[in-house]
Amino acid sequence: MTVWRGGIEKKILVELRDNDGGTSLKSSDKSEIKEILGAQFSNVSDETKTKLGITGGAQIKELQRGKIIYK
């Protein structure tokens, strides 16, 4: 993940885990995920994967109040 803090770009390695510590994909209703997390996700495009030098991932399409943004 790339974030900007204090005008400086920082790259952070992030691994999402479920409540049991697993990393396997789970199927769920997209609206439920958006409501709980406050985020809507999509797959990373091939163009973006090439640009970032990664082989897969997800990107945040939309943020709203939820567990990620709680203010």
PDB file of N, CA and C in Angstrom:
ATOM      1  N   MET A   1       0.846  -1.131   0.000  1.00  0.00           N
ATOM      2  CA  MET A   1       0.000   0.000   0.000  1.00  0.00           C
ATOM      3  C   MET A   1       0.910   1.216   0.000  1.00  0.00           C
ATOM      4  N   THR A   2       0.521   2.215  -0.766  1.00  0.00           N
ATOM      5  CA  THR A   2       1.267   3.467  -0.781  1.00  0.00           C
ATOM      6  C   THR A   2       0.419   4.539  -0.119  1.00  0.00           C
ATOM      7  N   VAL A   3       0.980   5.243   0.827  1.00  0.00           N
ATOM      8  CA  VAL A   3       0.277   6.313   1.532  1.00  0.00           C
ATOM      9  C   VAL A   3       1.142   7.563   1.529  1.00  0.00           C
ATOM     10  N   TRP A   4       0.505   8.684   1.688  1.00  0.00           N
ATOM     11  CA  TRP A   4       1.211   9.965   1.830  1.00  0.00           C
ATOM     12  C   TRP A   4       1.041  10.433   3.266  1.00  0.00           C
ATOM     13  N   ARG A   5       2.137  10.671   3.953  1.00  0.00           N
ATOM     14  CA  ARG A   5       2.116  11.183   5.321  1.00  0.00           C
ATOM     15  C   ARG A   5       3.095  12.338   5.414  1.00  0.00           C
ATOM     16  N   GLY A   6       2.603  13.490   5.789  1.00  0.00           N
ATOM     17  CA  GLY A   6       3.471  14.650   5.924  1.00  0.00           C
ATOM     18  C   GLY A   6       4.162  15.018   4.628  1.00  0.00           C
ATOM     19  N   GLY A   7       3.487  14.793   3.491  1.00  0.00           N
ATOM     20  CA  GLY A   7       4.054  15.121   2.202  1.00  0.00           C
ATOM     21  C   GLY A   7       5.082  14.124   1.692  1.00  0.00           C
ATOM     22  N   ILE A   8       5.231  13.004   2.392  1.00  0.00           N
ATOM     23  CA  ILE A   8       6.194  11.977   2.003  1.00  0.00           C
ATOM     24  C   ILE A   8       5.449  10.704   1.626  1.00  0.00           C
ATOM     25  N   GLU A   9       5.818  10.141   0.480  1.00  0.00           N
ATOM     26  CA  GLU A   9       5.220   8.885   0.036  1.00  0.00           C
ATOM     27  C   GLU A   9       5.878   7.726   0.769  1.00  0.00           C
ATOM     28  N   LYS A  10       5.032   6.861   1.374  1.00  0.00           N
ATOM     29  CA  LYS A  10       5.547   5.690   2.085  1.00  0.00           C
ATOM     30  C   LYS A  10       4.872   4.447   1.536  1.00  0.00           C
ATOM     31  N   LYS A  11       5.647   3.398   1.327  1.00  0.00           N
ATOM     32  CA  LYS A  11       5.113   2.121   0.868  1.00  0.00           C
ATOM     33  C   LYS A  11       5.061   1.170   2.058  1.00  0.00           C
ATOM     34  N   ILE A  12       3.893   0.576   2.274  1.00  0.00           N
ATOM     35  CA  ILE A  12       3.675  -0.300   3.409  1.00  0.00           C
ATOM     36  C   ILE A  12       3.158  -1.636   2.889  1.00  0.00           C
ATOM     37  N   LEU A  13       3.755  -2.738   3.326  1.00  0.00           N
ATOM     38  CA  LEU A  13       3.278  -4.062   2.965  1.00  0.00           C
ATOM     39  C   LEU A  13       2.091  -4.402   3.866  1.00  0.00           C
ATOM     40  N   VAL A  14       0.967  -4.766   3.262  1.00  0.00           N
ATOM     41  CA  VAL A  14      -0.254  -5.047   4.010  1.00  0.00           C
ATOM     42  C   VAL A  14      -0.745  -6.436   3.648  1.00  0.00           C
ATOM     43  N   GLU A  15      -1.114  -7.215   4.649  1.00  0.00           N
ATOM     44  CA  GLU A  15      -1.725  -8.521   4.421  1.00  0.00           C
ATOM     45  C   GLU A  15      -3.016  -8.572   5.218  1.00  0.00           C
ATOM     46  N   LEU A  16      -4.129  -8.773   4.511  1.00  0.00           N
ATOM     47  CA  LEU A  16      -5.428  -8.835   5.171  1.00  0.00           C
ATOM     48  C   LEU A  16      -5.679 -10.246   5.674  1.00  0.00           C
ATOM     49  N   ARG A  17      -6.156 -10.355   6.899  1.00  0.00           N
ATOM     50  CA  ARG A  17      -6.454 -11.655   7.511  1.00  0.00           C
ATOM     51  C   ARG A  17      -7.871 -11.647   8.076  1.00  0.00           C
ATOM     52  N   ASP A  18      -8.460 -12.832   8.132  1.00  0.00           N
ATOM     53  CA  ASP A  18      -9.790 -12.947   8.724  1.00  0.00           C
ATOM     54  C   ASP A  18      -9.663 -13.108  10.236  1.00  0.00           C
ATOM     55  N   ASN A  19     -10.785 -13.290  10.909  1.00  0.00           N
ATOM     56  CA  ASN A  19     -10.778 -13.401  12.373  1.00  0.00           C
ATOM     57  C   ASN A  19      -9.986 -14.596  12.884  1.00  0.00           C
ATOM     58  N   ASP A  20      -9.810 -15.620  12.035  1.00  0.00           N
ATOM     59  CA  ASP A  20      -9.056 -16.806  12.425  1.00  0.00           C
ATOM     60  C   ASP A  20      -7.595 -16.724  12.015  1.00  0.00           C
ATOM     61  N   GLY A  21      -7.185 -15.605  11.420  1.00  0.00           N
ATOM     62  CA  GLY A  21      -5.809 -15.422  10.998  1.00  0.00           C
ATOM     63  C   GLY A  21      -5.524 -15.933   9.599  1.00  0.00           C
ATOM     64  N   GLY A  22      -6.547 -16.415   8.907  1.00  0.00           N
ATOM     65  CA  GLY A  22      -6.367 -16.942   7.559  1.00  0.00           C
ATOM     66  C   GLY A  22      -6.357 -15.845   6.511  1.00  0.00           C
ATOM     67  N   THR A  23      -5.802 -16.175   5.349  1.00  0.00           N
ATOM     68  CA  THR A  23      -5.720 -15.204   4.257  1.00  0.00           C
ATOM     69  C   THR A  23      -6.495 -15.646   3.024  1.00  0.00           C
ATOM     70  N   SER A  24      -7.234 -16.755   3.117  1.00  0.00           N
ATOM     71  CA  SER A  24      -7.989 -17.230   1.953  1.00  0.00           C
ATOM     72  C   SER A  24      -9.169 -16.310   1.669  1.00  0.00           C
ATOM     73  N   LEU A  25      -9.555 -16.266   0.402  1.00  0.00           N
ATOM     74  CA  LEU A  25     -10.663 -15.410  -0.006  1.00  0.00           C
ATOM     75  C   LEU A  25     -11.983 -15.942   0.514  1.00  0.00           C
ATOM     76  N   LYS A  26     -12.816 -15.059   0.973  1.00  0.00           N
ATOM     77  CA  LYS A  26     -14.138 -15.407   1.465  1.00  0.00           C
ATOM     78  C   LYS A  26     -15.168 -14.763   0.562  1.00  0.00           C
ATOM     79  N   SER A  27     -16.242 -15.450   0.345  1.00  0.00           N
ATOM     80  CA  SER A  27     -17.327 -14.906  -0.457  1.00  0.00           C
ATOM     81  C   SER A  27     -18.316 -14.221   0.475  1.00  0.00           C
ATOM     82  N   SER A  28     -18.741 -13.027   0.115  1.00  0.00           N
ATOM     83  CA  SER A  28     -19.705 -12.292   0.922  1.00  0.00           C
ATOM     84  C   SER A  28     -20.415 -11.279   0.052  1.00  0.00           C
ATOM     85  N   ASP A  29     -21.538 -10.830   0.520  1.00  0.00           N
ATOM     86  CA  ASP A  29     -22.306  -9.813  -0.177  1.00  0.00           C
ATOM     87  C   ASP A  29     -21.525  -8.506  -0.178  1.00  0.00           C
ATOM     88  N   LYS A  30     -21.323  -7.922  -1.372  1.00  0.00           N
ATOM     89  CA  LYS A  30     -20.525  -6.700  -1.484  1.00  0.00           C
ATOM     90  C   LYS A  30     -21.100  -5.560  -0.658  1.00  0.00           C
ATOM     91  N   SER A  31     -22.417  -5.467  -0.572  1.00  0.00           N
ATOM     92  CA  SER A  31     -23.012  -4.378   0.206  1.00  0.00           C
ATOM     93  C   SER A  31     -22.738  -4.571   1.696  1.00  0.00           C
ATOM     94  N   GLU A  32     -22.660  -5.835   2.149  1.00  0.00           N
ATOM     95  CA  GLU A  32     -22.343  -6.109   3.547  1.00  0.00           C
ATOM     96  C   GLU A  32     -20.912  -5.691   3.864  1.00  0.00           C
ATOM     97  N   ILE A  33     -19.988  -5.992   2.967  1.00  0.00           N
ATOM     98  CA  ILE A  33     -18.592  -5.598   3.152  1.00  0.00           C
ATOM     99  C   ILE A  33     -18.480  -4.082   3.218  1.00  0.00           C
ATOM    100  N   LYS A  34     -19.146  -3.401   2.292  1.00  0.00           N
ATOM    101  CA  LYS A  34     -19.093  -1.936   2.259  1.00  0.00           C
ATOM    102  C   LYS A  34     -19.667  -1.346   3.543  1.00  0.00           C
ATOM    103  N   GLU A  35     -20.772  -1.921   4.028  1.00  0.00           N
ATOM    104  CA  GLU A  35     -21.406  -1.403   5.239  1.00  0.00           C
ATOM    105  C   GLU A  35     -20.527  -1.613   6.467  1.00  0.00           C
ATOM    106  N   ILE A  36     -19.917  -2.784   6.590  1.00  0.00           N
ATOM    107  CA  ILE A  36     -19.106  -3.099   7.765  1.00  0.00           C
ATOM    108  C   ILE A  36     -17.769  -2.356   7.731  1.00  0.00           C
ATOM    109  N   LEU A  37     -17.054  -2.471   6.624  1.00  0.00           N
ATOM    110  CA  LEU A  37     -15.716  -1.882   6.544  1.00  0.00           C
ATOM    111  C   LEU A  37     -15.729  -0.410   6.157  1.00  0.00           C
ATOM    112  N   GLY A  38     -16.790   0.012   5.498  1.00  0.00           N
ATOM    113  CA  GLY A  38     -16.823   1.379   5.011  1.00  0.00           C
ATOM    114  C   GLY A  38     -15.996   1.548   3.756  1.00  0.00           C
ATOM    115  N   ALA A  39     -15.774   0.453   3.031  1.00  0.00           N
ATOM    116  CA  ALA A  39     -14.956   0.516   1.826  1.00  0.00           C
ATOM    117  C   ALA A  39     -15.511  -0.423   0.765  1.00  0.00           C
ATOM    118  N   GLN A  40     -15.349  -0.011  -0.474  1.00  0.00           N
ATOM    119  CA  GLN A  40     -15.699  -0.856  -1.605  1.00  0.00           C
ATOM    120  C   GLN A  40     -14.398  -1.168  -2.333  1.00  0.00           C
ATOM    121  N   PHE A  41     -14.160  -2.443  -2.638  1.00  0.00           N
ATOM    122  CA  PHE A  41     -12.906  -2.890  -3.233  1.00  0.00           C
ATOM    123  C   PHE A  41     -13.110  -3.395  -4.651  1.00  0.00           C
ATOM    124  N   SER A  42     -12.031  -3.395  -5.431  1.00  0.00           N
ATOM    125  CA  SER A  42     -12.045  -3.997  -6.761  1.00  0.00           C
ATOM    126  C   SER A  42     -10.688  -4.650  -6.994  1.00  0.00           C
ATOM    127  N   ASN A  43     -10.625  -5.530  -7.983  1.00  0.00           N
ATOM    128  CA  ASN A  43      -9.354  -6.150  -8.351  1.00  0.00           C
ATOM    129  C   ASN A  43      -8.444  -5.106  -8.982  1.00  0.00           C
ATOM    130  N   VAL A  44      -7.158  -5.291  -8.822  1.00  0.00           N
ATOM    131  CA  VAL A  44      -6.180  -4.411  -9.447  1.00  0.00           C
ATOM    132  C   VAL A  44      -6.100  -4.771 -10.929  1.00  0.00           C
ATOM    133  N   SER A  45      -6.126  -3.768 -11.783  1.00  0.00           N
ATOM    134  CA  SER A  45      -6.051  -4.008 -13.225  1.00  0.00           C
ATOM    135  C   SER A  45      -4.665  -4.516 -13.608  1.00  0.00           C
ATOM    136  N   ASP A  46      -4.582  -5.198 -14.768  1.00  0.00           N
ATOM    137  CA  ASP A  46      -3.289  -5.690 -15.256  1.00  0.00           C
ATOM    138  C   ASP A  46      -2.310  -4.539 -15.456  1.00  0.00           C
ATOM    139  N   GLU A  47      -2.806  -3.419 -15.947  1.00  0.00           N
ATOM    140  CA  GLU A  47      -1.954  -2.246 -16.168  1.00  0.00           C
ATOM    141  C   GLU A  47      -1.353  -1.750 -14.850  1.00  0.00           C
ATOM    142  N   THR A  48      -2.175  -1.673 -13.811  1.00  0.00           N
ATOM    143  CA  THR A  48      -1.701  -1.208 -12.508  1.00  0.00           C
ATOM    144  C   THR A  48      -0.728  -2.207 -11.900  1.00  0.00           C
ATOM    145  N   LYS A  49      -1.013  -3.511 -12.041  1.00  0.00           N
ATOM    146  CA  LYS A  49      -0.097  -4.534 -11.528  1.00  0.00           C
ATOM    147  C   LYS A  49       1.281  -4.401 -12.175  1.00  0.00           C
ATOM    148  N   THR A  50       1.299  -4.194 -13.484  1.00  0.00           N
ATOM    149  CA  THR A  50       2.563  -4.031 -14.193  1.00  0.00           C
ATOM    150  C   THR A  50       3.286  -2.780 -13.703  1.00  0.00           C
ATOM    151  N   LYS A  51       2.565  -1.685 -13.595  1.00  0.00           N
ATOM    152  CA  LYS A  51       3.145  -0.409 -13.162  1.00  0.00           C
ATOM    153  C   LYS A  51       3.752  -0.512 -11.764  1.00  0.00           C
ATOM    154  N   LEU A  52       3.066  -1.246 -10.857  1.00  0.00           N
ATOM    155  CA  LEU A  52       3.523  -1.352  -9.477  1.00  0.00           C
ATOM    156  C   LEU A  52       4.458  -2.539  -9.236  1.00  0.00           C
ATOM    157  N   GLY A  53       4.603  -3.401 -10.248  1.00  0.00           N
ATOM    158  CA  GLY A  53       5.469  -4.555 -10.091  1.00  0.00           C
ATOM    159  C   GLY A  53       4.900  -5.600  -9.143  1.00  0.00           C
ATOM    160  N   ILE A  54       3.576  -5.772  -9.165  1.00  0.00           N
ATOM    161  CA  ILE A  54       2.923  -6.750  -8.299  1.00  0.00           C
ATOM    162  C   ILE A  54       2.200  -7.780  -9.160  1.00  0.00           C
ATOM    163  N   THR A  55       1.818  -8.901  -8.558  1.00  0.00           N
ATOM    164  CA  THR A  55       1.139  -9.955  -9.309  1.00  0.00           C
ATOM    165  C   THR A  55      -0.347 -10.049  -9.004  1.00  0.00           C
ATOM    166  N   GLY A  56      -0.816  -9.344  -8.014  1.00  0.00           N
ATOM    167  CA  GLY A  56      -2.241  -9.383  -7.675  1.00  0.00           C
ATOM    168  C   GLY A  56      -2.547  -8.399  -6.578  1.00  0.00           C
ATOM    169  N   GLY A  57      -3.804  -8.326  -6.235  1.00  0.00           N
ATOM    170  CA  GLY A  57      -4.188  -7.447  -5.138  1.00  0.00           C
ATOM    171  C   GLY A  57      -5.570  -6.874  -5.321  1.00  0.00           C
ATOM    172  N   ALA A  58      -5.929  -6.029  -4.409  1.00  0.00           N
ATOM    173  CA  ALA A  58      -7.216  -5.338  -4.435  1.00  0.00           C
ATOM    174  C   ALA A  58      -6.940  -3.859  -4.236  1.00  0.00           C
ATOM    175  N   GLN A  59      -7.840  -3.039  -4.740  1.00  0.00           N
ATOM    176  CA  GLN A  59      -7.696  -1.606  -4.518  1.00  0.00           C
ATOM    177  C   GLN A  59      -8.997  -1.072  -3.958  1.00  0.00           C
ATOM    178  N   ILE A  60      -8.896  -0.031  -3.194  1.00  0.00           N
ATOM    179  CA  ILE A  60     -10.078   0.594  -2.606  1.00  0.00           C
ATOM    180  C   ILE A  60     -10.680   1.529  -3.643  1.00  0.00           C
ATOM    181  N   LYS A  61     -11.965   1.303  -3.961  1.00  0.00           N
ATOM    182  CA  LYS A  61     -12.665   2.141  -4.928  1.00  0.00           C
ATOM    183  C   LYS A  61     -13.392   3.300  -4.250  1.00  0.00           C
ATOM    184  N   GLU A  62     -13.880   3.065  -3.031  1.00  0.00           N
ATOM    185  CA  GLU A  62     -14.675   4.083  -2.348  1.00  0.00           C
ATOM    186  C   GLU A  62     -14.540   3.900  -0.842  1.00  0.00           C
ATOM    187  N   LEU A  63     -14.438   4.995  -0.101  1.00  0.00           N
ATOM    188  CA  LEU A  63     -14.395   4.961   1.359  1.00  0.00           C
ATOM    189  C   LEU A  63     -15.552   5.750   1.931  1.00  0.00           C
ATOM    190  N   GLN A  64     -16.094   5.242   3.003  1.00  0.00           N
ATOM    191  CA  GLN A  64     -17.124   5.951   3.767  1.00  0.00           C
ATOM    192  C   GLN A  64     -16.949   5.540   5.225  1.00  0.00           C
ATOM    193  N   ARG A  65     -17.766   6.057   6.098  1.00  0.00           N
ATOM    194  CA  ARG A  65     -17.637   5.687   7.517  1.00  0.00           C
ATOM    195  C   ARG A  65     -17.874   4.195   7.705  1.00  0.00           C
ATOM    196  N   GLY A  66     -17.054   3.606   8.533  1.00  0.00           N
ATOM    197  CA  GLY A  66     -17.109   2.184   8.840  1.00  0.00           C
ATOM    198  C   GLY A  66     -15.957   1.889   9.766  1.00  0.00           C
ATOM    199  N   LYS A  67     -15.478   0.673   9.757  1.00  0.00           N
ATOM    200  CA  LYS A  67     -14.369   0.326  10.642  1.00  0.00           C
ATOM    201  C   LYS A  67     -13.047   0.881  10.170  1.00  0.00           C
ATOM    202  N   ILE A  68     -12.918   1.184   8.869  1.00  0.00           N
ATOM    203  CA  ILE A  68     -11.675   1.773   8.355  1.00  0.00           C
ATOM    204  C   ILE A  68     -11.650   3.270   8.647  1.00  0.00           C
ATOM    205  N   ILE A  69     -12.735   3.962   8.322  1.00  0.00           N
ATOM    206  CA  ILE A  69     -12.877   5.379   8.639  1.00  0.00           C
ATOM    207  C   ILE A  69     -13.983   5.490   9.671  1.00  0.00           C
ATOM    208  N   TYR A  70     -13.643   5.835  10.868  1.00  0.00           N
ATOM    209  CA  TYR A  70     -14.628   5.831  11.944  1.00  0.00           C
ATOM    210  C   TYR A  70     -14.857   7.199  12.551  1.00  0.00           C
ATOM    211  N   LYS A  71     -14.253   8.226  11.988  1.00  0.00           N
ATOM    212  CA  LYS A  71     -14.419   9.581  12.526  1.00  0.00           C
ATOM    213  C   LYS A  71     -15.714  10.187  12.040  1.00  0.00           C
TER     214      LYS A  71
END
